[in-house]
PDB file of all heavy atoms in Angstrom:
ATOM      1  N   GLY A   1     -34.951-388.180  32.591  1.00  0.00           N
ATOM      2  CA  GLY A   1     -33.738-387.826  31.982  1.00  0.00           C
ATOM      3  C   GLY A   1     -33.134-386.522  32.328  1.00  0.00           C
ATOM      4  O   GLY A   1     -32.113-386.101  31.859  1.00  0.00           O
ATOM      5  N   VAL A   2     -33.778-385.914  33.356  1.00  0.00           N
ATOM      6  CA  VAL A   2     -33.241-384.568  33.828  1.00  0.00           C
ATOM      7  C   VAL A   2     -32.215-384.810  34.872  1.00  0.00           C
ATOM      8  O   VAL A   2     -32.488-385.511  35.839  1.00  0.00           O
ATOM      9  CB  VAL A   2     -34.406-383.701  34.427  1.00  0.00           C
ATOM     10  CG1 VAL A   2     -33.884-382.343  34.914  1.00  0.00           C
ATOM     11  CG2 VAL A   2     -35.602-383.544  33.430  1.00  0.00           C
ATOM     12  N   PRO A   3     -30.979-384.257  34.693  1.00  0.00           N
ATOM     13  CA  PRO A   3     -29.910-384.515  35.595  1.00  0.00           C
ATOM     14  C   PRO A   3     -30.143-383.974  36.954  1.00  0.00           C
ATOM     15  O   PRO A   3     -30.649-382.822  37.068  1.00  0.00           O
ATOM     16  CB  PRO A   3     -28.725-383.820  34.973  1.00  0.00           C
ATOM     17  CG  PRO A   3     -29.343-382.724  34.026  1.00  0.00           C
ATOM     18  CD  PRO A   3     -30.629-383.293  33.559  1.00  0.00           C
ATOM     19  N   ASP A   4     -29.843-384.759  37.979  1.00  0.00           N
ATOM     20  CA  ASP A   4     -29.944-384.283  39.350  1.00  0.00           C
ATOM     21  C   ASP A   4     -28.464-383.922  39.954  1.00  0.00           C
ATOM     22  O   ASP A   4     -28.426-383.079  40.737  1.00  0.00           O
ATOM     23  CB  ASP A   4     -30.491-385.389  40.326  1.00  0.00           C
ATOM     24  CG  ASP A   4     -31.994-385.591  39.988  1.00  0.00           C
ATOM     25  OD1 ASP A   4     -32.697-384.608  39.640  1.00  0.00           O
ATOM     26  OD2 ASP A   4     -32.447-386.751  40.060  1.00  0.00           O
ATOM     27  N   ILE A   5     -27.521-384.717  39.503  1.00  0.00           N
ATOM     28  CA  ILE A   5     -26.122-384.397  39.934  1.00  0.00           C
ATOM     29  C   ILE A   5     -25.349-384.331  38.646  1.00  0.00           C
ATOM     30  O   ILE A   5     -25.320-385.115  37.799  1.00  0.00           O
ATOM     31  CB  ILE A   5     -25.650-385.575  40.814  1.00  0.00           C
ATOM     32  CG1 ILE A   5     -26.544-385.644  42.135  1.00  0.00           C
ATOM     33  CG2 ILE A   5     -24.095-385.302  41.190  1.00  0.00           C
ATOM     34  CD1 ILE A   5     -26.075-386.834  43.011  1.00  0.00           C
ATOM     35  N   VAL A   6     -24.547-383.267  38.625  1.00  0.00           N
ATOM     36  CA  VAL A   6     -23.730-382.938  37.381  1.00  0.00           C
ATOM     37  C   VAL A   6     -22.288-382.616  37.833  1.00  0.00           C
ATOM     38  O   VAL A   6     -22.050-382.055  38.829  1.00  0.00           O
ATOM     39  CB  VAL A   6     -24.309-381.698  36.689  1.00  0.00           C
ATOM     40  CG1 VAL A   6     -23.385-381.261  35.569  1.00  0.00           C
ATOM     41  CG2 VAL A   6     -25.596-382.063  36.007  1.00  0.00           C
ATOM     42  N   ILE A   7     -21.368-383.059  36.948  1.00  0.00           N
ATOM     43  CA  ILE A   7     -19.943-382.690  37.153  1.00  0.00           C
ATOM     44  C   ILE A   7     -19.566-381.614  36.187  1.00  0.00           C
ATOM     45  O   ILE A   7     -19.845-381.759  34.900  1.00  0.00           O
ATOM     46  CB  ILE A   7     -18.967-383.960  36.955  1.00  0.00           C
ATOM     47  CG1 ILE A   7     -19.061-384.918  38.095  1.00  0.00           C
ATOM     48  CG2 ILE A   7     -17.546-383.403  36.822  1.00  0.00           C
ATOM     49  CD1 ILE A   7     -18.532-384.395  39.422  1.00  0.00           C
ATOM     50  N   TYR A   8     -19.104-380.545  36.562  1.00  0.00           N
ATOM     51  CA  TYR A   8     -18.595-379.469  35.782  1.00  0.00           C
ATOM     52  C   TYR A   8     -17.093-379.496  35.731  1.00  0.00           C
ATOM     53  O   TYR A   8     -16.489-379.376  36.793  1.00  0.00           O
ATOM     54  CB  TYR A   8     -19.164-378.081  36.167  1.00  0.00           C
ATOM     55  CG  TYR A   8     -18.604-376.887  35.453  1.00  0.00           C
ATOM     56  CD1 TYR A   8     -18.905-376.732  34.169  1.00  0.00           C
ATOM     57  CD2 TYR A   8     -17.777-375.964  36.142  1.00  0.00           C
ATOM     58  CE1 TYR A   8     -18.511-375.621  33.412  1.00  0.00           C
ATOM     59  CE2 TYR A   8     -17.245-374.854  35.393  1.00  0.00           C
ATOM     60  CZ  TYR A   8     -17.647-374.755  34.024  1.00  0.00           C
ATOM     61  OH  TYR A   8     -17.162-373.573  33.406  1.00  0.00           O
ATOM     62  N   THR A   9     -16.566-379.527  34.498  1.00  0.00           N
ATOM     63  CA  THR A   9     -15.057-379.650  34.410  1.00  0.00           C
ATOM     64  C   THR A   9     -14.489-378.543  33.508  1.00  0.00           C
ATOM     65  O   THR A   9     -15.155-378.115  32.634  1.00  0.00           O
ATOM     66  CB  THR A   9     -14.610-381.050  33.866  1.00  0.00           C
ATOM     67  OG1 THR A   9     -15.100-381.111  32.484  1.00  0.00           O
ATOM     68  CG2 THR A   9     -15.147-382.183  34.626  1.00  0.00           C
ATOM     69  N   ILE A  10     -13.259-378.105  33.845  1.00  0.00           N
ATOM     70  CA  ILE A  10     -12.506-377.261  32.954  1.00  0.00           C
ATOM     71  C   ILE A  10     -11.240-377.957  32.812  1.00  0.00           C
ATOM     72  O   ILE A  10     -10.389-378.376  33.694  1.00  0.00           O
ATOM     73  CB  ILE A  10     -12.225-375.943  33.724  1.00  0.00           C
ATOM     74  CG1 ILE A  10     -13.491-375.063  33.874  1.00  0.00           C
ATOM     75  CG2 ILE A  10     -11.151-375.173  32.908  1.00  0.00           C
ATOM     76  CD1 ILE A  10     -14.092-374.565  32.566  1.00  0.00           C
ATOM     77  N   ARG A  11     -10.873-378.082  31.376  1.00  0.00           N
ATOM     78  CA  ARG A  11      -9.530-378.698  31.072  1.00  0.00           C
ATOM     79  C   ARG A  11      -8.844-377.876  30.059  1.00  0.00           C
ATOM     80  O   ARG A  11      -9.420-377.333  29.063  1.00  0.00           O
ATOM     81  CB  ARG A  11      -9.841-380.074  30.521  1.00  0.00           C
ATOM     82  CG  ARG A  11      -8.547-380.896  30.131  1.00  0.00           C
ATOM     83  CD  ARG A  11      -8.881-382.354  29.840  1.00  0.00           C
ATOM     84  NE  ARG A  11      -9.666-382.403  28.714  1.00  0.00           N
ATOM     85  CZ  ARG A  11      -9.255-382.748  27.514  1.00  0.00           C
ATOM     86  NH1 ARG A  11      -7.949-382.762  27.246  1.00  0.00           N
ATOM     87  NH2 ARG A  11     -10.017-382.933  26.467  1.00  0.00           N
ATOM     88  N   ASN A  12      -7.559-377.764  30.238  1.00  0.00           N
ATOM     89  CA  ASN A  12      -6.766-376.911  29.298  1.00  0.00           C
ATOM     90  C   ASN A  12      -6.510-377.696  28.043  1.00  0.00           C
ATOM     91  O   ASN A  12      -6.018-378.858  28.096  1.00  0.00           O
ATOM     92  CB  ASN A  12      -5.410-376.499  29.915  1.00  0.00           C
ATOM     93  CG  ASN A  12      -4.626-375.611  28.963  1.00  0.00           C
ATOM     94  OD1 ASN A  12      -4.142-375.986  27.981  1.00  0.00           O
ATOM     95  ND2 ASN A  12      -4.523-374.410  29.454  1.00  0.00           N
ATOM     96  N   VAL A  13      -6.972-377.220  26.833  1.00  0.00           N
ATOM     97  CA  VAL A  13      -6.812-377.945  25.559  1.00  0.00           C
ATOM     98  C   VAL A  13      -5.970-377.068  24.571  1.00  0.00           C
ATOM     99  O   VAL A  13      -6.258-377.155  23.425  1.00  0.00           O
ATOM    100  CB  VAL A  13      -8.230-378.245  24.974  1.00  0.00           C
ATOM    101  CG1 VAL A  13      -8.923-379.272  25.834  1.00  0.00           C
ATOM    102  CG2 VAL A  13      -9.050-377.023  24.861  1.00  0.00           C
ATOM    103  N   ASP A  14      -5.170-376.235  25.138  1.00  0.00           N
ATOM    104  CA  ASP A  14      -4.372-375.284  24.245  1.00  0.00           C
ATOM    105  C   ASP A  14      -3.484-376.184  23.305  1.00  0.00           C
ATOM    106  O   ASP A  14      -3.367-375.853  22.124  1.00  0.00           O
ATOM    107  CB  ASP A  14      -3.612-374.358  25.159  1.00  0.00           C
ATOM    108  CG  ASP A  14      -3.136-373.093  24.362  1.00  0.00           C
ATOM    109  OD1 ASP A  14      -3.895-372.472  23.677  1.00  0.00           O
ATOM    110  OD2 ASP A  14      -1.896-372.912  24.256  1.00  0.00           O
ATOM    111  N   ASP A  15      -2.751-377.168  23.902  1.00  0.00           N
ATOM    112  CA  ASP A  15      -1.874-377.907  23.020  1.00  0.00           C
ATOM    113  C   ASP A  15      -2.765-378.797  22.090  1.00  0.00           C
ATOM    114  O   ASP A  15      -2.228-378.917  20.825  1.00  0.00           O
ATOM    115  CB  ASP A  15      -1.096-378.896  23.914  1.00  0.00           C
ATOM    116  CG  ASP A  15      -0.004-378.205  24.811  1.00  0.00           C
ATOM    117  OD1 ASP A  15       0.359-376.978  24.427  1.00  0.00           O
ATOM    118  OD2 ASP A  15       0.472-378.727  25.770  1.00  0.00           O
ATOM    119  N   GLU A  16      -3.856-379.262  22.481  1.00  0.00           N
ATOM    120  CA  GLU A  16      -4.719-379.972  21.592  1.00  0.00           C
ATOM    121  C   GLU A  16      -5.184-379.089  20.420  1.00  0.00           C
ATOM    122  O   GLU A  16      -5.115-379.532  19.313  1.00  0.00           O
ATOM    123  CB  GLU A  16      -5.897-380.520  22.401  1.00  0.00           C
ATOM    124  CG  GLU A  16      -6.813-381.443  21.579  1.00  0.00           C
ATOM    125  CD  GLU A  16      -7.975-381.862  22.454  1.00  0.00           C
ATOM    126  OE1 GLU A  16      -7.721-382.234  23.632  1.00  0.00           O
ATOM    127  OE2 GLU A  16      -9.121-381.994  21.937  1.00  0.00           O
ATOM    128  N   LYS A  17      -5.613-377.851  20.766  1.00  0.00           N
ATOM    129  CA  LYS A  17      -5.971-376.959  19.745  1.00  0.00           C
ATOM    130  C   LYS A  17      -4.821-376.597  18.743  1.00  0.00           C
ATOM    131  O   LYS A  17      -5.114-376.538  17.607  1.00  0.00           O
ATOM    132  CB  LYS A  17      -6.463-375.584  20.428  1.00  0.00           C
ATOM    133  CG  LYS A  17      -7.908-375.712  21.056  1.00  0.00           C
ATOM    134  CD  LYS A  17      -9.014-375.807  19.848  1.00  0.00           C
ATOM    135  CE  LYS A  17     -10.331-375.792  20.415  1.00  0.00           C
ATOM    136  NZ  LYS A  17     -11.360-375.733  19.285  1.00  0.00           N
ATOM    137  N   LYS A  18      -3.715-376.467  19.345  1.00  0.00           N
ATOM    138  CA  LYS A  18      -2.610-376.135  18.390  1.00  0.00           C
ATOM    139  C   LYS A  18      -2.178-377.320  17.493  1.00  0.00           C
ATOM    140  O   LYS A  18      -1.907-377.100  16.267  1.00  0.00           O
ATOM    141  CB  LYS A  18      -1.299-375.879  19.295  1.00  0.00           C
ATOM    142  CG  LYS A  18      -1.360-374.445  19.995  1.00  0.00           C
ATOM    143  CD  LYS A  18      -0.164-374.223  20.819  1.00  0.00           C
ATOM    144  CE  LYS A  18      -0.289-372.836  21.514  1.00  0.00           C
ATOM    145  NZ  LYS A  18       0.837-372.636  22.449  1.00  0.00           N
ATOM    146  N   ARG A  19      -2.379-378.522  18.020  1.00  0.00           N
ATOM    147  CA  ARG A  19      -2.281-379.636  17.133  1.00  0.00           C
ATOM    148  C   ARG A  19      -3.328-379.794  16.109  1.00  0.00           C
ATOM    149  O   ARG A  19      -3.051-380.081  14.888  1.00  0.00           O
ATOM    150  CB  ARG A  19      -2.265-380.981  17.945  1.00  0.00           C
ATOM    151  CG  ARG A  19      -1.015-381.232  18.805  1.00  0.00           C
ATOM    152  CD  ARG A  19      -0.953-382.693  19.417  1.00  0.00           C
ATOM    153  NE  ARG A  19      -1.988-382.930  20.274  1.00  0.00           N
ATOM    154  CZ  ARG A  19      -1.885-382.723  21.598  1.00  0.00           C
ATOM    155  NH1 ARG A  19      -0.853-382.217  22.095  1.00  0.00           N
ATOM    156  NH2 ARG A  19      -2.905-383.004  22.392  1.00  0.00           N
ATOM    157  N   GLU A  20      -4.593-379.432  16.507  1.00  0.00           N
ATOM    158  CA  GLU A  20      -5.665-379.515  15.521  1.00  0.00           C
ATOM    159  C   GLU A  20      -5.424-378.369  14.424  1.00  0.00           C
ATOM    160  O   GLU A  20      -5.567-378.693  13.268  1.00  0.00           O
ATOM    161  CB  GLU A  20      -6.920-379.242  16.175  1.00  0.00           C
ATOM    162  CG  GLU A  20      -7.526-380.277  16.989  1.00  0.00           C
ATOM    163  CD  GLU A  20      -8.823-379.885  17.775  1.00  0.00           C
ATOM    164  OE1 GLU A  20      -9.260-378.751  17.445  1.00  0.00           O
ATOM    165  OE2 GLU A  20      -9.268-380.709  18.536  1.00  0.00           O
ATOM    166  N   GLU A  21      -4.973-377.189  14.807  1.00  0.00           N
ATOM    167  CA  GLU A  21      -4.638-376.226  13.875  1.00  0.00           C
ATOM    168  C   GLU A  21      -3.562-376.519  13.025  1.00  0.00           C
ATOM    169  O   GLU A  21      -3.563-376.258  11.831  1.00  0.00           O
ATOM    170  CB  GLU A  21      -4.352-374.843  14.663  1.00  0.00           C
ATOM    171  CG  GLU A  21      -5.573-374.227  15.369  1.00  0.00           C
ATOM    172  CD  GLU A  21      -5.106-373.067  16.208  1.00  0.00           C
ATOM    173  OE1 GLU A  21      -3.912-372.740  16.315  1.00  0.00           O
ATOM    174  OE2 GLU A  21      -6.022-372.459  16.964  1.00  0.00           O
ATOM    175  N   ASN A  22      -2.500-377.248  13.534  1.00  0.00           N
ATOM    176  CA  ASN A  22      -1.408-377.651  12.779  1.00  0.00           C
ATOM    177  C   ASN A  22      -1.860-378.710  11.707  1.00  0.00           C
ATOM    178  O   ASN A  22      -1.432-378.659  10.536  1.00  0.00           O
ATOM    179  CB  ASN A  22      -0.285-378.239  13.617  1.00  0.00           C
ATOM    180  CG  ASN A  22       0.942-378.521  12.939  1.00  0.00           C
ATOM    181  OD1 ASN A  22       1.528-377.733  12.106  1.00  0.00           O
ATOM    182  ND2 ASN A  22       1.418-379.744  13.091  1.00  0.00           N
ATOM    183  N   LEU A  23      -2.687-379.604  12.167  1.00  0.00           N
ATOM    184  CA  LEU A  23      -3.208-380.661  11.214  1.00  0.00           C
ATOM    185  C   LEU A  23      -4.022-380.068  10.024  1.00  0.00           C
ATOM    186  O   LEU A  23      -3.892-380.398   8.921  1.00  0.00           O
ATOM    187  CB  LEU A  23      -4.047-381.668  12.018  1.00  0.00           C
ATOM    188  CG  LEU A  23      -3.219-382.634  12.900  1.00  0.00           C
ATOM    189  CD1 LEU A  23      -4.106-383.512  13.663  1.00  0.00           C
ATOM    190  CD2 LEU A  23      -2.246-383.440  12.055  1.00  0.00           C
ATOM    191  N   ILE A  24      -4.916-379.015  10.538  1.00  0.00           N
ATOM    192  CA  ILE A  24      -5.691-378.332   9.470  1.00  0.00           C
ATOM    193  C   ILE A  24      -4.814-377.600   8.534  1.00  0.00           C
ATOM    194  O   ILE A  24      -4.984-377.521   7.338  1.00  0.00           O
ATOM    195  CB  ILE A  24      -6.667-377.363  10.101  1.00  0.00           C
ATOM    196  CG1 ILE A  24      -7.776-378.168  10.945  1.00  0.00           C
ATOM    197  CG2 ILE A  24      -7.321-376.554   9.209  1.00  0.00           C
ATOM    198  CD1 ILE A  24      -8.667-377.386  11.809  1.00  0.00           C
ATOM    199  N   ARG A  25      -3.830-376.937   9.165  1.00  0.00           N
ATOM    200  CA  ARG A  25      -2.871-376.172   8.182  1.00  0.00           C
ATOM    201  C   ARG A  25      -2.142-377.082   7.324  1.00  0.00           C
ATOM    202  O   ARG A  25      -2.034-376.768   6.112  1.00  0.00           O
ATOM    203  CB  ARG A  25      -1.906-375.396   9.110  1.00  0.00           C
ATOM    204  CG  ARG A  25      -0.907-374.497   8.315  1.00  0.00           C
ATOM    205  CD  ARG A  25      -0.141-373.519   9.200  1.00  0.00           C
ATOM    206  NE  ARG A  25       0.624-374.222  10.265  1.00  0.00           N
ATOM    207  CZ  ARG A  25       0.321-374.235  11.404  1.00  0.00           C
ATOM    208  NH1 ARG A  25      -0.747-373.556  11.940  1.00  0.00           N
ATOM    209  NH2 ARG A  25       1.122-374.892  12.407  1.00  0.00           N
ATOM    210  N   LEU A  26      -1.757-378.286   7.849  1.00  0.00           N
ATOM    211  CA  LEU A  26      -1.049-379.147   6.873  1.00  0.00           C
ATOM    212  C   LEU A  26      -1.891-379.781   5.886  1.00  0.00           C
ATOM    213  O   LEU A  26      -1.471-379.929   4.651  1.00  0.00           O
ATOM    214  CB  LEU A  26      -0.481-380.435   7.715  1.00  0.00           C
ATOM    215  CG  LEU A  26       0.643-380.102   8.631  1.00  0.00           C
ATOM    216  CD1 LEU A  26       1.008-381.371   9.492  1.00  0.00           C
ATOM    217  CD2 LEU A  26       1.946-379.663   7.818  1.00  0.00           C
ATOM    218  N   SER A  27      -3.224-379.974   6.213  1.00  0.00           N
ATOM    219  CA  SER A  27      -4.140-380.479   5.204  1.00  0.00           C
ATOM    220  C   SER A  27      -4.468-379.426   4.113  1.00  0.00           C
ATOM    221  O   SER A  27      -4.991-379.727   3.101  1.00  0.00           O
ATOM    222  CB  SER A  27      -5.467-380.961   5.892  1.00  0.00           C
ATOM    223  OG  SER A  27      -6.188-379.929   6.406  1.00  0.00           O
ATOM    224  N   MET A  28      -4.380-378.196   4.445  1.00  0.00           N
ATOM    225  CA  MET A  28      -4.748-377.032   3.599  1.00  0.00           C
ATOM    226  C   MET A  28      -3.481-376.362   2.947  1.00  0.00           C
ATOM    227  O   MET A  28      -3.547-375.414   2.187  1.00  0.00           O
ATOM    228  CB  MET A  28      -5.389-375.906   4.356  1.00  0.00           C
ATOM    229  CG  MET A  28      -6.666-376.350   4.976  1.00  0.00           C
ATOM    230  SD  MET A  28      -7.879-376.637   3.686  1.00  0.00           S
ATOM    231  CE  MET A  28      -9.457-376.882   4.642  1.00  0.00           C
ATOM    232  N   THR A  29      -2.207-377.074   3.161  1.00  0.00           N
ATOM    233  CA  THR A  29      -0.959-376.427   2.651  1.00  0.00           C
ATOM    234  C   THR A  29      -0.368-377.340   1.624  1.00  0.00           C
ATOM    235  O   THR A  29      -0.238-378.547   1.848  1.00  0.00           O
ATOM    236  CB  THR A  29      -0.030-376.214   3.895  1.00  0.00           C
ATOM    237  OG1 THR A  29      -0.667-375.335   4.750  1.00  0.00           O
ATOM    238  CG2 THR A  29       1.253-375.498   3.487  1.00  0.00           C
ATOM    239  N   ASP A  30       0.203-376.719   0.670  1.00  0.00           N
ATOM    240  CA  ASP A  30       1.031-377.540  -0.247  1.00  0.00           C
ATOM    241  C   ASP A  30       2.398-377.721   0.280  1.00  0.00           C
ATOM    242  O   ASP A  30       3.115-376.864   0.683  1.00  0.00           O
ATOM    243  CB  ASP A  30       1.086-376.651  -1.591  1.00  0.00           C
ATOM    244  CG  ASP A  30       2.045-377.323  -2.637  1.00  0.00           C
ATOM    245  OD1 ASP A  30       1.676-378.331  -3.078  1.00  0.00           O
ATOM    246  OD2 ASP A  30       3.083-376.687  -2.998  1.00  0.00           O
ATOM    247  N   GLU A  31       2.761-378.990   0.197  1.00  0.00           N
ATOM    248  CA  GLU A  31       3.967-379.399   0.835  1.00  0.00           C
ATOM    249  C   GLU A  31       5.229-378.760   0.281  1.00  0.00           C
ATOM    250  O   GLU A  31       6.145-378.432   0.990  1.00  0.00           O
ATOM    251  CB  GLU A  31       4.098-380.928   0.793  1.00  0.00           C
ATOM    252  CG  GLU A  31       5.382-381.523   1.567  1.00  0.00           C
ATOM    253  CD  GLU A  31       5.393-383.055   1.537  1.00  0.00           C
ATOM    254  OE1 GLU A  31       4.406-383.612   1.005  1.00  0.00           O
ATOM    255  OE2 GLU A  31       6.289-383.566   2.146  1.00  0.00           O
ATOM    256  N   MET A  32       5.256-378.554  -1.028  1.00  0.00           N
ATOM    257  CA  MET A  32       6.479-378.110  -1.652  1.00  0.00           C
ATOM    258  C   MET A  32       6.654-376.569  -1.434  1.00  0.00           C
ATOM    259  O   MET A  32       7.758-376.087  -1.015  1.00  0.00           O
ATOM    260  CB  MET A  32       6.458-378.334  -3.193  1.00  0.00           C
ATOM    261  CG  MET A  32       7.686-377.853  -3.895  1.00  0.00           C
ATOM    262  SD  MET A  32       7.618-377.941  -5.723  1.00  0.00           S
ATOM    263  CE  MET A  32       7.713-379.717  -5.924  1.00  0.00           C
ATOM    264  N   THR A  33       5.584-375.794  -1.608  1.00  0.00           N
ATOM    265  CA  THR A  33       5.692-374.344  -1.701  1.00  0.00           C
ATOM    266  C   THR A  33       5.315-373.668  -0.316  1.00  0.00           C
ATOM    267  O   THR A  33       5.627-372.523  -0.202  1.00  0.00           O
ATOM    268  CB  THR A  33       4.884-373.850  -2.804  1.00  0.00           C
ATOM    269  OG1 THR A  33       3.463-374.118  -2.573  1.00  0.00           O
ATOM    270  CG2 THR A  33       5.260-374.270  -4.164  1.00  0.00           C
ATOM    271  N   ARG A  34       4.547-374.457   0.476  1.00  0.00           N
ATOM    272  CA  ARG A  34       4.008-373.979   1.832  1.00  0.00           C
ATOM    273  C   ARG A  34       2.927-372.968   1.623  1.00  0.00           C
ATOM    274  O   ARG A  34       2.515-372.212   2.431  1.00  0.00           O
ATOM    275  CB  ARG A  34       5.116-373.356   2.683  1.00  0.00           C
ATOM    276  CG  ARG A  34       6.399-374.142   2.928  1.00  0.00           C
ATOM    277  CD  ARG A  34       6.083-375.680   3.218  1.00  0.00           C
ATOM    278  NE  ARG A  34       5.276-375.793   4.426  1.00  0.00           N
ATOM    279  CZ  ARG A  34       4.732-376.975   4.799  1.00  0.00           C
ATOM    280  NH1 ARG A  34       4.809-378.092   3.974  1.00  0.00           N
ATOM    281  NH2 ARG A  34       4.054-377.035   6.007  1.00  0.00           N
TER     282      ARG A  34
END
């Protein structure tokens, strides 16, 4: 099970993080008063 060949990737997830943060903020925020 020890890897001999590995793929190393870098992907920009800034938009994804912002969406996650927005969803977390919405789940933690009162809709009427913000």
